[in-house]
């Protein structure tokens, strides 16, 4: 395993979320899946985010900031409070981006 600065590892774990949701629903990502994708242990996720839910919250916040529509759509469907607080326009665009995919 490569050692990263804390800010680099945190960013890597969040970026892994954007990549993983191309193949796996954000809410189906497990600690094991994430650990393999990031070449780290499940304990590393807990260290930086407190839990897998904390990691998901960070991935959703990142998706909102960068308008990653696939992640936002998954968060809306899962009724995540941060996603539901978005504008109707962004929610609609996110959901429509998943039609026929």
N, C-alpha and C. Protein backbone atom coordinates (compact mmCIF):
# COMPACT_ATOMS: atom_id res chain seq x y z
N UNK A 1 0.83 -1.19 0.00
CA UNK A 1 0.00 0.00 0.00
C UNK A 1 0.88 1.25 0.00
N UNK A 2 0.47 2.21 -0.77
CA UNK A 2 1.18 3.48 -0.84
C UNK A 2 0.69 4.37 0.28
N UNK A 3 1.62 5.12 0.88
CA UNK A 3 1.22 6.08 1.90
C UNK A 3 0.93 7.42 1.25
N UNK A 4 -0.21 7.96 1.61
CA UNK A 4 -0.63 9.26 1.09
C UNK A 4 -0.77 10.24 2.25
N UNK A 5 -0.68 11.52 1.92
CA UNK A 5 -1.03 12.54 2.90
C UNK A 5 -2.52 12.40 3.18
N UNK A 6 -2.98 12.78 4.38
CA UNK A 6 -4.41 12.64 4.70
C UNK A 6 -5.34 13.29 3.67
N UNK A 7 -5.01 14.47 3.21
CA UNK A 7 -5.88 15.13 2.23
C UNK A 7 -5.91 14.36 0.91
N UNK A 8 -4.78 13.76 0.54
CA UNK A 8 -4.73 12.98 -0.69
C UNK A 8 -5.55 11.70 -0.57
N UNK A 9 -5.44 11.03 0.57
CA UNK A 9 -6.19 9.78 0.77
C UNK A 9 -7.69 10.06 0.80
N UNK A 10 -8.08 11.12 1.49
CA UNK A 10 -9.50 11.48 1.55
C UNK A 10 -10.03 11.76 0.14
N UNK A 11 -9.29 12.53 -0.63
CA UNK A 11 -9.69 12.84 -2.00
C UNK A 11 -9.75 11.57 -2.85
N UNK A 12 -8.82 10.66 -2.64
CA UNK A 12 -8.81 9.41 -3.38
C UNK A 12 -10.05 8.59 -3.07
N UNK A 13 -10.43 8.54 -1.80
CA UNK A 13 -11.60 7.77 -1.40
C UNK A 13 -12.89 8.37 -1.97
N UNK A 14 -12.95 9.68 -2.05
CA UNK A 14 -14.11 10.34 -2.64
C UNK A 14 -14.13 10.10 -4.15
N UNK A 15 -12.98 10.24 -4.80
CA UNK A 15 -12.90 10.01 -6.24
C UNK A 15 -13.28 8.57 -6.59
N UNK A 16 -12.93 7.65 -5.73
CA UNK A 16 -13.30 6.25 -5.97
C UNK A 16 -14.80 6.09 -6.05
N UNK A 17 -15.52 6.91 -5.30
CA UNK A 17 -16.98 6.87 -5.35
C UNK A 17 -17.50 7.20 -6.73
N UNK A 18 -16.94 8.22 -7.33
CA UNK A 18 -17.36 8.62 -8.68
C UNK A 18 -17.08 7.52 -9.69
N UNK A 19 -15.98 6.83 -9.53
CA UNK A 19 -15.64 5.74 -10.44
C UNK A 19 -16.49 4.50 -10.18
N UNK A 20 -16.68 4.16 -8.93
CA UNK A 20 -17.42 2.95 -8.59
C UNK A 20 -18.87 3.01 -9.04
N UNK A 21 -19.49 4.17 -8.96
CA UNK A 21 -20.91 4.25 -9.31
C UNK A 21 -21.16 4.09 -10.80
N UNK A 22 -20.12 4.04 -11.58
CA UNK A 22 -20.30 3.71 -12.99
C UNK A 22 -20.75 2.26 -13.14
N UNK A 23 -20.40 1.42 -12.17
CA UNK A 23 -20.72 -0.01 -12.24
C UNK A 23 -21.55 -0.51 -11.07
N UNK A 24 -21.50 0.19 -9.95
CA UNK A 24 -22.17 -0.26 -8.73
C UNK A 24 -22.93 0.92 -8.13
N UNK A 25 -24.17 0.68 -7.73
CA UNK A 25 -24.95 1.72 -7.08
C UNK A 25 -24.21 2.19 -5.82
N UNK A 26 -24.19 3.49 -5.60
CA UNK A 26 -23.50 4.08 -4.45
C UNK A 26 -23.90 3.41 -3.14
N UNK A 27 -25.16 3.03 -3.04
CA UNK A 27 -25.67 2.44 -1.80
C UNK A 27 -25.42 0.94 -1.71
N UNK A 28 -24.79 0.38 -2.73
CA UNK A 28 -24.41 -1.03 -2.69
C UNK A 28 -22.90 -1.21 -2.55
N UNK A 29 -22.17 -0.11 -2.54
CA UNK A 29 -20.72 -0.18 -2.32
C UNK A 29 -20.48 -0.63 -0.89
N UNK A 30 -19.62 -1.61 -0.73
CA UNK A 30 -19.27 -2.11 0.60
C UNK A 30 -17.88 -1.61 0.98
N UNK A 31 -17.56 -1.76 2.24
CA UNK A 31 -16.20 -1.40 2.68
C UNK A 31 -15.17 -2.21 1.90
N UNK A 32 -15.45 -3.47 1.67
CA UNK A 32 -14.51 -4.32 0.94
C UNK A 32 -14.31 -3.83 -0.49
N UNK A 33 -15.41 -3.49 -1.17
CA UNK A 33 -15.32 -2.99 -2.54
C UNK A 33 -14.51 -1.70 -2.60
N UNK A 34 -14.80 -0.81 -1.69
CA UNK A 34 -14.10 0.47 -1.64
C UNK A 34 -12.63 0.27 -1.30
N UNK A 35 -12.35 -0.59 -0.34
CA UNK A 35 -10.96 -0.85 0.06
C UNK A 35 -10.15 -1.41 -1.10
N UNK A 36 -10.73 -2.31 -1.85
CA UNK A 36 -10.03 -2.88 -3.01
C UNK A 36 -9.78 -1.80 -4.05
N UNK A 37 -10.79 -1.00 -4.33
CA UNK A 37 -10.65 0.05 -5.34
C UNK A 37 -9.59 1.08 -4.96
N UNK A 38 -9.42 1.29 -3.67
CA UNK A 38 -8.48 2.33 -3.19
C UNK A 38 -7.17 1.75 -2.66
N UNK A 39 -7.05 0.44 -2.70
CA UNK A 39 -5.85 -0.21 -2.17
C UNK A 39 -5.60 0.22 -0.72
N UNK A 40 -6.65 0.08 0.08
CA UNK A 40 -6.55 0.42 1.50
C UNK A 40 -7.41 -0.56 2.29
N UNK A 41 -7.49 -0.37 3.58
CA UNK A 41 -8.33 -1.23 4.42
C UNK A 41 -9.65 -0.53 4.72
N UNK A 42 -10.64 -1.32 5.15
CA UNK A 42 -11.91 -0.74 5.56
C UNK A 42 -11.71 0.23 6.72
N UNK A 43 -10.72 -0.05 7.56
CA UNK A 43 -10.41 0.84 8.67
C UNK A 43 -9.97 2.22 8.21
N UNK A 44 -9.36 2.29 7.05
CA UNK A 44 -8.95 3.58 6.50
C UNK A 44 -10.17 4.45 6.22
N UNK A 45 -11.21 3.83 5.66
CA UNK A 45 -12.45 4.58 5.39
C UNK A 45 -13.02 5.11 6.70
N UNK A 46 -13.07 4.25 7.70
CA UNK A 46 -13.59 4.67 9.01
C UNK A 46 -12.74 5.78 9.60
N UNK A 47 -11.44 5.72 9.40
CA UNK A 47 -10.55 6.74 9.93
C UNK A 47 -10.87 8.12 9.34
N UNK A 48 -11.10 8.18 8.03
CA UNK A 48 -11.32 9.46 7.37
C UNK A 48 -12.76 9.94 7.39
N UNK A 49 -13.71 9.01 7.46
CA UNK A 49 -15.11 9.40 7.33
C UNK A 49 -16.00 8.93 8.47
N UNK A 50 -15.46 8.16 9.38
CA UNK A 50 -16.24 7.67 10.51
C UNK A 50 -16.98 6.38 10.22
N UNK A 51 -17.45 6.25 8.98
CA UNK A 51 -18.20 5.05 8.59
C UNK A 51 -18.40 5.08 7.08
N UNK A 52 -18.97 4.02 6.56
CA UNK A 52 -19.31 3.98 5.15
C UNK A 52 -20.36 5.04 4.83
N UNK A 53 -21.30 5.28 5.74
CA UNK A 53 -22.30 6.34 5.55
C UNK A 53 -21.64 7.71 5.47
N UNK A 54 -20.63 7.94 6.29
CA UNK A 54 -19.90 9.20 6.25
C UNK A 54 -19.19 9.38 4.91
N UNK A 55 -18.65 8.28 4.39
CA UNK A 55 -18.02 8.32 3.07
C UNK A 55 -19.06 8.66 2.00
N UNK A 56 -20.22 8.01 2.06
CA UNK A 56 -21.28 8.30 1.08
C UNK A 56 -21.67 9.78 1.14
N UNK A 57 -21.80 10.31 2.35
CA UNK A 57 -22.15 11.73 2.50
C UNK A 57 -21.12 12.61 1.79
N UNK A 58 -19.85 12.27 1.93
CA UNK A 58 -18.78 13.04 1.28
C UNK A 58 -18.84 12.90 -0.23
N UNK A 59 -19.13 11.70 -0.72
CA UNK A 59 -19.25 11.47 -2.16
C UNK A 59 -20.43 12.25 -2.72
N UNK A 60 -21.53 12.27 -1.99
CA UNK A 60 -22.71 13.02 -2.43
C UNK A 60 -22.42 14.52 -2.45
N UNK A 61 -21.76 15.02 -1.42
CA UNK A 61 -21.40 16.45 -1.38
C UNK A 61 -20.50 16.80 -2.57
N UNK A 62 -19.56 15.93 -2.88
CA UNK A 62 -18.67 16.13 -4.02
C UNK A 62 -19.47 16.11 -5.33
N UNK A 63 -20.40 15.17 -5.43
CA UNK A 63 -21.23 15.06 -6.64
C UNK A 63 -22.07 16.32 -6.83
N UNK A 64 -22.58 16.85 -5.75
CA UNK A 64 -23.37 18.07 -5.83
C UNK A 64 -22.49 19.23 -6.29
N UNK A 65 -21.32 19.33 -5.72
CA UNK A 65 -20.40 20.42 -6.08
C UNK A 65 -20.05 20.38 -7.57
N UNK A 66 -19.80 19.18 -8.09
CA UNK A 66 -19.36 19.03 -9.48
C UNK A 66 -20.47 18.56 -10.42
N UNK A 67 -21.71 18.55 -9.93
CA UNK A 67 -22.89 18.13 -10.70
C UNK A 67 -22.68 16.78 -11.38
N UNK A 68 -22.25 15.81 -10.60
CA UNK A 68 -22.14 14.43 -11.09
C UNK A 68 -23.54 13.82 -11.00
N UNK A 69 -24.22 13.87 -12.12
CA UNK A 69 -25.66 13.59 -12.14
C UNK A 69 -26.00 12.16 -11.75
N UNK A 70 -25.17 11.21 -12.10
CA UNK A 70 -25.47 9.82 -11.76
C UNK A 70 -25.51 9.62 -10.24
N UNK A 71 -24.55 10.19 -9.56
CA UNK A 71 -24.52 10.07 -8.09
C UNK A 71 -25.70 10.82 -7.48
N UNK A 72 -25.97 12.01 -7.98
CA UNK A 72 -27.09 12.79 -7.46
C UNK A 72 -28.40 12.02 -7.65
N UNK A 73 -28.58 11.42 -8.82
CA UNK A 73 -29.81 10.65 -9.07
C UNK A 73 -29.94 9.51 -8.06
N UNK A 74 -28.85 8.81 -7.80
CA UNK A 74 -28.90 7.71 -6.83
C UNK A 74 -29.25 8.23 -5.44
N UNK A 75 -28.69 9.37 -5.09
CA UNK A 75 -28.97 9.95 -3.78
C UNK A 75 -30.42 10.41 -3.67
N UNK A 76 -30.97 10.97 -4.74
CA UNK A 76 -32.37 11.39 -4.73
C UNK A 76 -33.27 10.18 -4.55
N UNK A 77 -33.02 9.13 -5.31
CA UNK A 77 -33.84 7.92 -5.23
C UNK A 77 -33.77 7.32 -3.82
N UNK A 78 -32.60 7.42 -3.19
CA UNK A 78 -32.42 6.91 -1.83
C UNK A 78 -32.95 7.88 -0.78
N UNK A 79 -33.48 9.01 -1.24
CA UNK A 79 -34.06 10.04 -0.36
C UNK A 79 -33.03 10.66 0.59
N UNK A 80 -31.82 10.85 0.10
CA UNK A 80 -30.78 11.50 0.89
C UNK A 80 -31.17 12.97 1.10
N UNK A 81 -31.13 13.46 2.33
CA UNK A 81 -31.56 14.84 2.61
C UNK A 81 -30.80 15.90 1.82
N UNK A 82 -29.50 15.72 1.63
CA UNK A 82 -28.73 16.71 0.88
C UNK A 82 -29.18 16.76 -0.58
N UNK A 83 -29.47 15.62 -1.14
CA UNK A 83 -29.91 15.58 -2.53
C UNK A 83 -31.33 16.14 -2.67
N UNK A 84 -32.18 15.83 -1.72
CA UNK A 84 -33.56 16.32 -1.79
C UNK A 84 -33.65 17.83 -1.59
N UNK A 85 -32.62 18.43 -1.01
CA UNK A 85 -32.60 19.88 -0.78
C UNK A 85 -32.15 20.65 -2.02
N UNK A 86 -31.76 19.94 -3.08
CA UNK A 86 -31.29 20.60 -4.30
C UNK A 86 -32.45 21.23 -5.05
N UNK A 87 -32.11 22.06 -6.01
CA UNK A 87 -33.14 22.69 -6.83
C UNK A 87 -33.89 21.62 -7.62
N UNK A 88 -35.12 21.92 -7.92
CA UNK A 88 -35.93 21.01 -8.73
C UNK A 88 -35.28 20.77 -10.08
N UNK A 89 -34.68 21.81 -10.64
CA UNK A 89 -34.01 21.69 -11.93
C UNK A 89 -32.88 20.67 -11.88
N UNK A 90 -32.02 20.76 -10.87
CA UNK A 90 -30.90 19.84 -10.77
C UNK A 90 -31.38 18.41 -10.50
N UNK A 91 -32.37 18.26 -9.65
CA UNK A 91 -32.92 16.93 -9.39
C UNK A 91 -33.49 16.34 -10.68
N UNK A 92 -34.23 17.14 -11.43
CA UNK A 92 -34.82 16.66 -12.68
C UNK A 92 -33.74 16.26 -13.67
N UNK A 93 -32.71 17.11 -13.82
CA UNK A 93 -31.61 16.79 -14.74
C UNK A 93 -30.92 15.51 -14.33
N UNK A 94 -30.70 15.33 -13.03
CA UNK A 94 -30.04 14.12 -12.54
C UNK A 94 -30.87 12.89 -12.85
N UNK A 95 -32.14 12.95 -12.55
CA UNK A 95 -33.01 11.79 -12.79
C UNK A 95 -33.16 11.50 -14.28
N UNK A 96 -33.32 12.54 -15.07
CA UNK A 96 -33.46 12.35 -16.52
C UNK A 96 -32.18 11.82 -17.15
N UNK A 97 -31.04 12.10 -16.55
CA UNK A 97 -29.77 11.60 -17.11
C UNK A 97 -29.68 10.08 -17.00
N UNK A 98 -30.52 9.50 -16.17
CA UNK A 98 -30.48 8.05 -15.95
C UNK A 98 -31.54 7.30 -16.76
N UNK A 99 -32.39 8.04 -17.44
CA UNK A 99 -33.41 7.39 -18.27
C UNK A 99 -32.72 6.74 -19.46
N UNK A 100 -33.07 5.50 -19.71
CA UNK A 100 -32.51 4.74 -20.84
C UNK A 100 -31.02 4.49 -20.71
N UNK A 101 -30.50 4.40 -19.48
CA UNK A 101 -29.08 4.06 -19.33
C UNK A 101 -28.93 2.67 -18.80
